């Protein structure tokens, strides 16, 4: 797998295109992430991170964050920083 594992999806809000993940490493706006699981494998740049509905520019290990994505994901999909 390319990239460093930074978390796992624990919820996906399809109507708004947001994944909820618990971070196992830091994440910053502008980072590229790769989402892998099932038949899904795509990469994109992080342009929105939220904690409790508030926009933030970076998050640390242990944070539960929401990230807007363009694709679809499911619970258990892995998230990598590339």
C-alpha atoms as a PDB file:
ATOM      1  CA  UNK A   1       0.000   0.000   0.000  1.00  0.00           C
ATOM      2  CA  UNK A   2       1.229   3.442  -0.851  1.00  0.00           C
ATOM      3  CA  UNK A   3       1.155   5.974   1.965  1.00  0.00           C
ATOM      4  CA  UNK A   4       0.992   5.963   5.766  1.00  0.00           C
ATOM      5  CA  UNK A   5      -2.126   4.631   7.459  1.00  0.00           C
ATOM      6  CA  UNK A   6      -3.712   7.529   9.374  1.00  0.00           C
ATOM      7  CA  UNK A   7      -7.137   6.140  10.260  1.00  0.00           C
ATOM      8  CA  UNK A   8     -10.212   4.124   9.493  1.00  0.00           C
ATOM      9  CA  UNK A   9     -13.663   5.252   8.421  1.00  0.00           C
ATOM     10  CA  UNK A  10     -16.243   4.761  11.192  1.00  0.00           C
ATOM     11  CA  UNK A  11     -19.119   6.535   9.429  1.00  0.00           C
ATOM     12  CA  UNK A  12     -19.996   7.897   5.985  1.00  0.00           C
ATOM     13  CA  UNK A  13     -22.591  10.615   5.483  1.00  0.00           C
ATOM     14  CA  UNK A  14     -23.545  10.034   1.853  1.00  0.00           C
ATOM     15  CA  UNK A  15     -25.865  13.041   1.439  1.00  0.00           C
ATOM     16  CA  UNK A  16     -23.079  15.500   2.282  1.00  0.00           C
ATOM     17  CA  UNK A  17     -20.105  13.373   1.137  1.00  0.00           C
ATOM     18  CA  UNK A  18     -18.298  13.318   4.483  1.00  0.00           C
ATOM     19  CA  UNK A  19     -16.362  10.508   6.132  1.00  0.00           C
ATOM     20  CA  UNK A  20     -15.816  10.329   9.877  1.00  0.00           C
ATOM     21  CA  UNK A  21     -12.478   8.868  10.900  1.00  0.00           C
ATOM     22  CA  UNK A  22     -10.512   8.360  14.102  1.00  0.00           C
ATOM     23  CA  UNK A  23      -6.988   9.531  13.387  1.00  0.00           C
ATOM     24  CA  UNK A  24      -3.965   7.393  14.246  1.00  0.00           C
ATOM     25  CA  UNK A  25      -1.658  10.163  12.976  1.00  0.00           C
ATOM     26  CA  UNK A  26      -1.833  13.904  12.226  1.00  0.00           C
ATOM     27  CA  UNK A  27      -3.716  15.369   9.249  1.00  0.00           C
ATOM     28  CA  UNK A  28      -3.527  18.862   7.747  1.00  0.00           C
ATOM     29  CA  UNK A  29      -5.474  20.812   5.148  1.00  0.00           C
ATOM     30  CA  UNK A  30      -3.786  20.298   1.795  1.00  0.00           C
ATOM     31  CA  UNK A  31      -2.597  16.761   2.590  1.00  0.00           C
ATOM     32  CA  UNK A  32      -3.317  14.113  -0.030  1.00  0.00           C
ATOM     33  CA  UNK A  33      -5.215  11.100   1.279  1.00  0.00           C
ATOM     34  CA  UNK A  34      -5.968   7.704  -0.221  1.00  0.00           C
ATOM     35  CA  UNK A  35      -9.145   5.825   0.715  1.00  0.00           C
ATOM     36  CA  UNK A  36      -9.055   2.064   0.224  1.00  0.00           C
ATOM     37  CA  UNK A  37     -11.663  -0.617   0.868  1.00  0.00           C
ATOM     38  CA  UNK A  38     -13.893  -3.024  -1.023  1.00  0.00           C
ATOM     39  CA  UNK A  39     -13.640  -2.032  -4.686  1.00  0.00           C
ATOM     40  CA  UNK A  40     -12.806   1.591  -3.755  1.00  0.00           C
ATOM     41  CA  UNK A  41      -9.311   3.055  -4.124  1.00  0.00           C
ATOM     42  CA  UNK A  42      -9.040   6.797  -4.771  1.00  0.00           C
ATOM     43  CA  UNK A  43      -6.837   9.722  -3.822  1.00  0.00           C
ATOM     44  CA  UNK A  44      -7.728  13.350  -3.213  1.00  0.00           C
ATOM     45  CA  UNK A  45      -6.531  16.508  -1.492  1.00  0.00           C
ATOM     46  CA  UNK A  46      -8.034  17.359   1.904  1.00  0.00           C
ATOM     47  CA  UNK A  47      -9.801  20.711   1.577  1.00  0.00           C
ATOM     48  CA  UNK A  48     -12.093  20.460   4.605  1.00  0.00           C
ATOM     49  CA  UNK A  49     -11.533  19.050   8.108  1.00  0.00           C
ATOM     50  CA  UNK A  50     -14.073  19.443  10.903  1.00  0.00           C
ATOM     51  CA  UNK A  51     -14.329  18.496  14.550  1.00  0.00           C
ATOM     52  CA  UNK A  52     -17.781  18.859  16.121  1.00  0.00           C
ATOM     53  CA  UNK A  53     -18.952  20.928  13.120  1.00  0.00           C
ATOM     54  CA  UNK A  54     -16.110  23.460  13.387  1.00  0.00           C
ATOM     55  CA  UNK A  55     -13.607  23.924  10.556  1.00  0.00           C
ATOM     56  CA  UNK A  56      -9.999  23.306  11.544  1.00  0.00           C
ATOM     57  CA  UNK A  57      -6.698  23.423   9.651  1.00  0.00           C
ATOM     58  CA  UNK A  58      -5.027  20.447  11.326  1.00  0.00           C
ATOM     59  CA  UNK A  59      -5.886  17.503  13.570  1.00  0.00           C
ATOM     60  CA  UNK A  60      -3.802  15.203  15.734  1.00  0.00           C
ATOM     61  CA  UNK A  61      -3.638  11.518  16.565  1.00  0.00           C
ATOM     62  CA  UNK A  62      -6.740  10.431  18.494  1.00  0.00           C
ATOM     63  CA  UNK A  63      -9.053  13.111  17.055  1.00  0.00           C
ATOM     64  CA  UNK A  64     -12.378  12.103  15.497  1.00  0.00           C
ATOM     65  CA  UNK A  65     -12.709  14.229  12.367  1.00  0.00           C
ATOM     66  CA  UNK A  66     -15.043  14.723   9.434  1.00  0.00           C
ATOM     67  CA  UNK A  67     -13.470  15.040   5.989  1.00  0.00           C
ATOM     68  CA  UNK A  68     -15.336  16.006   2.828  1.00  0.00           C
ATOM     69  CA  UNK A  69     -14.644  13.579  -0.029  1.00  0.00           C
ATOM     70  CA  UNK A  70     -15.758  13.330  -3.647  1.00  0.00           C
ATOM     71  CA  UNK A  71     -16.136   9.536  -3.712  1.00  0.00           C
ATOM     72  CA  UNK A  72     -17.982   7.006  -1.587  1.00  0.00           C
ATOM     73  CA  UNK A  73     -16.722   5.074   1.416  1.00  0.00           C
ATOM     74  CA  UNK A  74     -17.974   2.616   3.998  1.00  0.00           C
ATOM     75  CA  UNK A  75     -17.252   1.826   7.607  1.00  0.00           C
ATOM     76  CA  UNK A  76     -13.919   0.019   7.925  1.00  0.00           C
ATOM     77  CA  UNK A  77     -12.257   1.540   4.839  1.00  0.00           C
ATOM     78  CA  UNK A  78      -8.644   2.543   5.476  1.00  0.00           C
ATOM     79  CA  UNK A  79      -7.372   6.113   5.066  1.00  0.00           C
ATOM     80  CA  UNK A  80      -3.739   6.769   4.141  1.00  0.00           C
ATOM     81  CA  UNK A  81      -1.745   9.993   3.828  1.00  0.00           C
ATOM     82  CA  UNK A  82       0.218   9.919   0.546  1.00  0.00           C
END
